[in-house]
Amino acid sequence: MLAFLQKCARFTRKILTNRWTKPVVFIGCLIPLAAEAAGWFAWLGQDLGGNPIEDLTHETGEWVLKFLMASLAVTPLRKLLRIPELIHYRRMLGLFAFFYTVVHLYTYVWMDKFFDLDAIFHDLAYHPYITIGTFSFVLLLPLVITSTRGWIIRLHGRWWRRLHRLVYAAVFLGVFHYYLVMRADESDVWMYAAIFGAIFLLRAYTVWRPPARA
């Protein structure tokens, strides 16, 4: 069994270091957006349903959570499975989480409100789920800006890691925002909360576990 797992790890590392893997993953991350565009324009038999703006807003919001999950899972998985090459995909997944956050916000500000600032500020004041979602978006901004190697050097690593712990608050607010939106059907909300909880536990375990023997 151990030999089989070692073979799988070697095979995975070989795939991850292939020069074509990263472009393929990048294109794969755009598939959800392509699917939403196909549904919006009714291409390939796709359909967003009777309220396309609401469906598009909800689905892009879910993809934000999925990409945040994938990005946060990279660190514990690379340590537990001993596949360090996974780290080369963490920034890409995190940036795609922010990309879908922007698309999610775009569908609300333009498609739903048509840049009506009065309506937007009214929602911010009287609808908590809008306020919480906005705070989550704001918390992601400094993480995206400082995601480059240059900022890691400028912030001396340690301060960079402390700053990027804001992602935990962003995830909490994002899930809470989703809960307030989907009160009629909370099953998916608890599923996302459970998965994030498991990822956070794995991250804590990889930080606090005793060092492995040589």
C-alpha atoms as a PDB file:
ATOM      1  CA  MET A   1       0.000   0.000   0.000  1.00  0.00           C
ATOM      2  CA  LEU A   2       2.806   2.380   0.895  1.00  0.00           C
ATOM      3  CA  ALA A   3       4.571   1.658  -2.386  1.00  0.00           C
ATOM      4  CA  PHE A   4       1.342   2.403  -4.270  1.00  0.00           C
ATOM      5  CA  LEU A   5       0.909   5.737  -2.470  1.00  0.00           C
ATOM      6  CA  GLN A   6       4.512   6.647  -3.200  1.00  0.00           C
ATOM      7  CA  LYS A   7       3.965   5.878  -6.880  1.00  0.00           C
ATOM      8  CA  CYS A   8       0.845   8.050  -6.906  1.00  0.00           C
ATOM      9  CA  ALA A   9       2.766  10.896  -5.257  1.00  0.00           C
ATOM     10  CA  ARG A  10       5.608  10.628  -7.810  1.00  0.00           C
ATOM     11  CA  PHE A  11       3.113  10.557 -10.682  1.00  0.00           C
ATOM     12  CA  THR A  12       1.266  13.602  -9.278  1.00  0.00           C
ATOM     13  CA  ARG A  13       4.502  15.532  -8.830  1.00  0.00           C
ATOM     14  CA  LYS A  14       5.483  14.711 -12.401  1.00  0.00           C
ATOM     15  CA  ILE A  15       2.166  16.066 -13.693  1.00  0.00           C
ATOM     16  CA  LEU A  16       2.395  19.225 -11.578  1.00  0.00           C
ATOM     17  CA  THR A  17       5.885  20.034 -12.869  1.00  0.00           C
ATOM     18  CA  ASN A  18       4.895  19.580 -16.514  1.00  0.00           C
ATOM     19  CA  ARG A  19       4.970  22.928 -18.323  1.00  0.00           C
ATOM     20  CA  TRP A  20       1.504  22.362 -19.789  1.00  0.00           C
ATOM     21  CA  THR A  21      -0.248  21.643 -16.493  1.00  0.00           C
ATOM     22  CA  LYS A  22      -0.495  25.237 -15.292  1.00  0.00           C
ATOM     23  CA  PRO A  23      -2.073  26.559 -18.537  1.00  0.00           C
ATOM     24  CA  VAL A  24      -4.542  23.659 -18.462  1.00  0.00           C
ATOM     25  CA  VAL A  25      -5.469  24.444 -14.847  1.00  0.00           C
ATOM     26  CA  PHE A  26      -5.841  28.128 -15.771  1.00  0.00           C
ATOM     27  CA  ILE A  27      -8.224  27.280 -18.616  1.00  0.00           C
ATOM     28  CA  GLY A  28     -10.095  24.879 -16.320  1.00  0.00           C
ATOM     29  CA  CYS A  29     -10.636  27.700 -13.825  1.00  0.00           C
ATOM     30  CA  LEU A  30     -12.392  29.683 -16.569  1.00  0.00           C
ATOM     31  CA  ILE A  31     -14.860  26.891 -17.341  1.00  0.00           C
ATOM     32  CA  PRO A  32     -17.427  28.089 -14.720  1.00  0.00           C
ATOM     33  CA  LEU A  33     -17.452  31.536 -16.333  1.00  0.00           C
ATOM     34  CA  ALA A  34     -17.878  29.982 -19.779  1.00  0.00           C
ATOM     35  CA  ALA A  35     -20.760  27.870 -18.468  1.00  0.00           C
ATOM     36  CA  GLU A  36     -22.463  30.956 -17.017  1.00  0.00           C
ATOM     37  CA  ALA A  37     -22.016  32.812 -20.330  1.00  0.00           C
ATOM     38  CA  ALA A  38     -23.497  29.829 -22.198  1.00  0.00           C
ATOM     39  CA  GLY A  39     -26.486  29.874 -19.829  1.00  0.00           C
ATOM     40  CA  TRP A  40     -26.934  33.639 -20.161  1.00  0.00           C
ATOM     41  CA  PHE A  41     -26.999  33.542 -23.960  1.00  0.00           C
ATOM     42  CA  ALA A  42     -28.772  30.149 -24.087  1.00  0.00           C
ATOM     43  CA  TRP A  43     -25.876  28.525 -25.920  1.00  0.00           C
ATOM     44  CA  LEU A  44     -25.437  24.735 -26.147  1.00  0.00           C
ATOM     45  CA  GLY A  45     -28.859  24.155 -24.634  1.00  0.00           C
ATOM     46  CA  GLN A  46     -27.878  25.868 -21.357  1.00  0.00           C
ATOM     47  CA  ASP A  47     -30.390  28.016 -19.467  1.00  0.00           C
ATOM     48  CA  LEU A  48     -30.064  30.062 -16.284  1.00  0.00           C
ATOM     49  CA  GLY A  49     -33.772  29.772 -15.501  1.00  0.00           C
ATOM     50  CA  GLY A  50     -36.576  32.263 -15.023  1.00  0.00           C
ATOM     51  CA  ASN A  51     -34.447  34.801 -13.102  1.00  0.00           C
ATOM     52  CA  PRO A  52     -31.036  34.721 -14.829  1.00  0.00           C
ATOM     53  CA  ILE A  53     -29.534  37.642 -12.888  1.00  0.00           C
ATOM     54  CA  GLU A  54     -30.336  36.062  -9.527  1.00  0.00           C
ATOM     55  CA  ASP A  55     -29.089  32.652 -10.683  1.00  0.00           C
ATOM     56  CA  LEU A  56     -25.878  34.168 -12.071  1.00  0.00           C
ATOM     57  CA  THR A  57     -25.279  36.079  -8.835  1.00  0.00           C
ATOM     58  CA  HIS A  58     -25.787  32.996  -6.665  1.00  0.00           C
ATOM     59  CA  GLU A  59     -23.679  30.695  -8.816  1.00  0.00           C
ATOM     60  CA  THR A  60     -20.730  33.088  -9.084  1.00  0.00           C
ATOM     61  CA  GLY A  61     -20.893  33.515  -5.301  1.00  0.00           C
ATOM     62  CA  GLU A  62     -20.660  29.754  -4.858  1.00  0.00           C
ATOM     63  CA  TRP A  63     -17.634  29.609  -7.141  1.00  0.00           C
ATOM     64  CA  VAL A  64     -15.931  32.188  -4.928  1.00  0.00           C
ATOM     65  CA  LEU A  65     -16.320  29.806  -1.987  1.00  0.00           C
ATOM     66  CA  LYS A  66     -15.108  26.831  -4.043  1.00  0.00           C
ATOM     67  CA  PHE A  67     -11.948  28.579  -5.197  1.00  0.00           C
ATOM     68  CA  LEU A  68     -11.255  29.825  -1.663  1.00  0.00           C
ATOM     69  CA  MET A  69     -11.557  26.222  -0.482  1.00  0.00           C
ATOM     70  CA  ALA A  70      -9.129  25.013  -3.148  1.00  0.00           C
ATOM     71  CA  SER A  71      -6.621  27.774  -2.344  1.00  0.00           C
ATOM     72  CA  LEU A  72      -6.734  27.161   1.411  1.00  0.00           C
ATOM     73  CA  ALA A  73      -6.451  23.383   0.955  1.00  0.00           C
ATOM     74  CA  VAL A  74      -3.156  23.648  -0.935  1.00  0.00           C
ATOM     75  CA  THR A  75      -0.917  24.178   2.116  1.00  0.00           C
ATOM     76  CA  PRO A  76      -2.155  21.261   4.272  1.00  0.00           C
ATOM     77  CA  LEU A  77      -2.349  18.910   1.276  1.00  0.00           C
ATOM     78  CA  ARG A  78       1.173  19.656   0.080  1.00  0.00           C
ATOM     79  CA  LYS A  79       2.504  19.027   3.580  1.00  0.00           C
ATOM     80  CA  LEU A  80       0.473  15.918   4.400  1.00  0.00           C
ATOM     81  CA  LEU A  81       0.855  14.317   0.963  1.00  0.00           C
ATOM     82  CA  ARG A  82       4.438  15.572   0.579  1.00  0.00           C
ATOM     83  CA  ILE A  83       3.781  17.159  -2.801  1.00  0.00           C
ATOM     84  CA  PRO A  84       5.520  20.552  -2.516  1.00  0.00           C
ATOM     85  CA  GLU A  85       4.769  21.365  -6.174  1.00  0.00           C
ATOM     86  CA  LEU A  86       1.179  22.132  -5.214  1.00  0.00           C
ATOM     87  CA  ILE A  87       2.362  25.480  -3.836  1.00  0.00           C
ATOM     88  CA  HIS A  88       2.818  26.769  -7.402  1.00  0.00           C
ATOM     89  CA  TYR A  89      -0.957  26.662  -7.865  1.00  0.00           C
ATOM     90  CA  ARG A  90      -2.048  28.364  -4.632  1.00  0.00           C
ATOM     91  CA  ARG A  91      -1.731  31.948  -5.874  1.00  0.00           C
ATOM     92  CA  MET A  92      -3.582  31.152  -9.090  1.00  0.00           C
ATOM     93  CA  LEU A  93      -6.488  29.599  -7.198  1.00  0.00           C
ATOM     94  CA  GLY A  94      -6.607  32.529  -4.783  1.00  0.00           C
ATOM     95  CA  LEU A  95      -6.635  35.057  -7.622  1.00  0.00           C
ATOM     96  CA  PHE A  96      -9.434  33.161  -9.336  1.00  0.00           C
ATOM     97  CA  ALA A  97     -11.407  33.310  -6.075  1.00  0.00           C
ATOM     98  CA  PHE A  98     -11.041  37.094  -6.214  1.00  0.00           C
ATOM     99  CA  PHE A  99     -11.839  37.133  -9.944  1.00  0.00           C
ATOM    100  CA  TYR A 100     -15.156  35.386  -9.313  1.00  0.00           C
ATOM    101  CA  THR A 101     -15.763  37.771  -6.402  1.00  0.00           C
ATOM    102  CA  VAL A 102     -15.461  40.660  -8.866  1.00  0.00           C
ATOM    103  CA  VAL A 103     -17.836  38.905 -11.295  1.00  0.00           C
ATOM    104  CA  HIS A 104     -20.249  38.301  -8.403  1.00  0.00           C
ATOM    105  CA  LEU A 105     -20.106  41.986  -7.433  1.00  0.00           C
ATOM    106  CA  TYR A 106     -20.416  43.036 -11.080  1.00  0.00           C
ATOM    107  CA  THR A 107     -23.666  41.100 -11.528  1.00  0.00           C
ATOM    108  CA  TYR A 108     -25.129  42.919  -8.516  1.00  0.00           C
ATOM    109  CA  VAL A 109     -23.856  46.457  -9.203  1.00  0.00           C
ATOM    110  CA  TRP A 110     -24.460  46.541 -12.950  1.00  0.00           C
ATOM    111  CA  MET A 111     -26.915  43.836 -13.983  1.00  0.00           C
ATOM    112  CA  ASP A 112     -29.140  44.117 -10.907  1.00  0.00           C
ATOM    113  CA  LYS A 113     -28.799  47.778  -9.827  1.00  0.00           C
ATOM    114  CA  PHE A 114     -27.570  49.424 -13.078  1.00  0.00           C
ATOM    115  CA  PHE A 115     -25.036  51.482 -11.066  1.00  0.00           C
ATOM    116  CA  ASP A 116     -27.855  53.148  -9.132  1.00  0.00           C
ATOM    117  CA  LEU A 117     -25.822  54.435  -6.173  1.00  0.00           C
ATOM    118  CA  ASP A 118     -28.895  55.362  -4.150  1.00  0.00           C
ATOM    119  CA  ALA A 119     -30.237  51.817  -4.426  1.00  0.00           C
ATOM    120  CA  ILE A 120     -26.824  50.326  -3.628  1.00  0.00           C
ATOM    121  CA  PHE A 121     -26.315  52.484  -0.519  1.00  0.00           C
ATOM    122  CA  HIS A 122     -29.872  51.690   0.571  1.00  0.00           C
ATOM    123  CA  ASP A 123     -29.060  47.970   0.350  1.00  0.00           C
ATOM    124  CA  LEU A 124     -25.821  48.503   2.289  1.00  0.00           C
ATOM    125  CA  ALA A 125     -27.746  50.259   5.059  1.00  0.00           C
ATOM    126  CA  TYR A 126     -30.812  48.016   5.293  1.00  0.00           C
ATOM    127  CA  HIS A 127     -29.720  44.565   4.056  1.00  0.00           C
ATOM    128  CA  PRO A 128     -27.083  42.941   6.300  1.00  0.00           C
ATOM    129  CA  TYR A 129     -26.148  40.296   3.724  1.00  0.00           C
ATOM    130  CA  ILE A 130     -25.062  43.051   1.311  1.00  0.00           C
ATOM    131  CA  THR A 131     -23.007  44.785   4.020  1.00  0.00           C
ATOM    132  CA  ILE A 132     -21.330  41.540   5.111  1.00  0.00           C
ATOM    133  CA  GLY A 133     -20.584  40.515   1.528  1.00  0.00           C
ATOM    134  CA  THR A 134     -18.996  43.923   0.899  1.00  0.00           C
ATOM    135  CA  PHE A 135     -16.774  43.599   3.981  1.00  0.00           C
ATOM    136  CA  SER A 136     -15.648  40.167   2.774  1.00  0.00           C
ATOM    137  CA  PHE A 137     -14.724  41.654  -0.604  1.00  0.00           C
ATOM    138  CA  VAL A 138     -12.784  44.513   1.044  1.00  0.00           C
ATOM    139  CA  LEU A 139     -10.792  42.037   3.163  1.00  0.00           C
ATOM    140  CA  LEU A 140      -9.697  40.179   0.034  1.00  0.00           C
ATOM    141  CA  LEU A 141      -8.341  43.331  -1.641  1.00  0.00           C
ATOM    142  CA  PRO A 142      -5.073  43.656   0.358  1.00  0.00           C
ATOM    143  CA  LEU A 143      -4.447  39.919  -0.064  1.00  0.00           C
ATOM    144  CA  VAL A 144      -4.649  40.200  -3.837  1.00  0.00           C
ATOM    145  CA  ILE A 145      -2.490  43.340  -3.945  1.00  0.00           C
ATOM    146  CA  THR A 146       0.248  41.731  -1.803  1.00  0.00           C
ATOM    147  CA  SER A 147       0.133  38.290  -3.429  1.00  0.00           C
ATOM    148  CA  THR A 148       3.338  38.804  -5.439  1.00  0.00           C
ATOM    149  CA  ARG A 149       6.849  37.718  -4.462  1.00  0.00           C
ATOM    150  CA  GLY A 150       7.916  41.374  -4.292  1.00  0.00           C
ATOM    151  CA  TRP A 151       5.384  42.083  -1.535  1.00  0.00           C
ATOM    152  CA  ILE A 152       6.471  38.976   0.369  1.00  0.00           C
ATOM    153  CA  ILE A 153      10.013  40.391   0.402  1.00  0.00           C
ATOM    154  CA  ARG A 154       8.844  43.907   1.315  1.00  0.00           C
ATOM    155  CA  LEU A 155       6.781  42.612   4.243  1.00  0.00           C
ATOM    156  CA  HIS A 156       9.603  40.274   5.388  1.00  0.00           C
ATOM    157  CA  GLY A 157       7.569  37.077   5.178  1.00  0.00           C
ATOM    158  CA  ARG A 158       6.312  37.107   8.758  1.00  0.00           C
ATOM    159  CA  TRP A 159       4.217  40.247   8.385  1.00  0.00           C
ATOM    160  CA  TRP A 160       3.007  38.970   5.006  1.00  0.00           C
ATOM    161  CA  ARG A 161       1.745  35.774   6.640  1.00  0.00           C
ATOM    162  CA  ARG A 162       0.005  37.784   9.376  1.00  0.00           C
ATOM    163  CA  LEU A 163      -1.674  40.005   6.812  1.00  0.00           C
ATOM    164  CA  HIS A 164      -2.870  37.012   4.813  1.00  0.00           C
ATOM    165  CA  ARG A 165      -4.628  35.600   7.855  1.00  0.00           C
ATOM    166  CA  LEU A 166      -7.347  38.062   6.893  1.00  0.00           C
ATOM    167  CA  VAL A 167      -8.504  35.319   4.551  1.00  0.00           C
ATOM    168  CA  TYR A 168     -10.029  33.527   7.562  1.00  0.00           C
ATOM    169  CA  ALA A 169     -12.215  36.541   8.343  1.00  0.00           C
ATOM    170  CA  ALA A 170     -13.092  36.886   4.650  1.00  0.00           C
ATOM    171  CA  VAL A 171     -14.150  33.232   4.512  1.00  0.00           C
ATOM    172  CA  PHE A 172     -16.249  33.531   7.679  1.00  0.00           C
ATOM    173  CA  LEU A 173     -18.020  36.629   6.359  1.00  0.00           C
ATOM    174  CA  GLY A 174     -18.436  35.018   2.937  1.00  0.00           C
ATOM    175  CA  VAL A 175     -20.111  31.928   4.369  1.00  0.00           C
ATOM    176  CA  PHE A 176     -22.270  34.083   6.653  1.00  0.00           C
ATOM    177  CA  HIS A 177     -23.259  36.210   3.639  1.00  0.00           C
ATOM    178  CA  TYR A 178     -24.231  33.013   1.810  1.00  0.00           C
ATOM    179  CA  TYR A 179     -26.231  31.846   4.832  1.00  0.00           C
ATOM    180  CA  LEU A 180     -28.237  35.089   4.943  1.00  0.00           C
ATOM    181  CA  VAL A 181     -28.944  34.846   1.207  1.00  0.00           C
ATOM    182  CA  MET A 182     -29.921  31.149   1.230  1.00  0.00           C
ATOM    183  CA  ARG A 183     -32.031  30.951   4.398  1.00  0.00           C
ATOM    184  CA  ALA A 184     -34.745  29.067   2.505  1.00  0.00           C
ATOM    185  CA  ASP A 185     -32.323  26.183   1.825  1.00  0.00           C
ATOM    186  CA  GLU A 186     -29.477  25.961   4.328  1.00  0.00           C
ATOM    187  CA  SER A 187     -28.174  22.520   3.348  1.00  0.00           C
ATOM    188  CA  ASP A 188     -25.479  23.886   0.992  1.00  0.00           C
ATOM    189  CA  VAL A 189     -24.492  26.509   3.557  1.00  0.00           C
ATOM    190  CA  TRP A 190     -23.724  23.889   6.196  1.00  0.00           C
ATOM    191  CA  MET A 191     -21.864  21.799   3.621  1.00  0.00           C
ATOM    192  CA  TYR A 192     -19.554  24.728   2.803  1.00  0.00           C
ATOM    193  CA  ALA A 193     -19.137  25.526   6.500  1.00  0.00           C
ATOM    194  CA  ALA A 194     -18.190  21.896   7.237  1.00  0.00           C
ATOM    195  CA  ILE A 195     -15.644  21.763   4.405  1.00  0.00           C
ATOM    196  CA  PHE A 196     -14.026  25.034   5.475  1.00  0.00           C
ATOM    197  CA  GLY A 197     -13.973  23.773   9.064  1.00  0.00           C
ATOM    198  CA  ALA A 198     -12.175  20.590   7.958  1.00  0.00           C
ATOM    199  CA  ILE A 199      -9.641  22.616   5.953  1.00  0.00           C
ATOM    200  CA  PHE A 200      -8.945  24.908   8.929  1.00  0.00           C
ATOM    201  CA  LEU A 201      -8.435  21.886  11.186  1.00  0.00           C
ATOM    202  CA  LEU A 202      -5.996  20.370   8.692  1.00  0.00           C
ATOM    203  CA  ARG A 203      -4.125  23.673   8.486  1.00  0.00           C
ATOM    204  CA  ALA A 204      -3.918  23.836  12.284  1.00  0.00           C
ATOM    205  CA  TYR A 205      -2.736  20.226  12.434  1.00  0.00           C
ATOM    206  CA  THR A 206       0.075  20.818   9.920  1.00  0.00           C
ATOM    207  CA  VAL A 207       1.241  23.840  11.950  1.00  0.00           C
ATOM    208  CA  TRP A 208       1.133  22.273  15.409  1.00  0.00           C
ATOM    209  CA  ARG A 209       1.951  18.610  14.706  1.00  0.00           C
ATOM    210  CA  PRO A 210       5.313  17.317  15.998  1.00  0.00           C
ATOM    211  CA  PRO A 211       8.155  17.421  13.448  1.00  0.00           C
ATOM    212  CA  ALA A 212       8.465  14.199  11.464  1.00  0.00           C
ATOM    213  CA  ARG A 213      11.405  11.900  12.135  1.00  0.00           C
ATOM    214  CA  ALA A 214      14.115  11.857   9.523  1.00  0.00           C
END
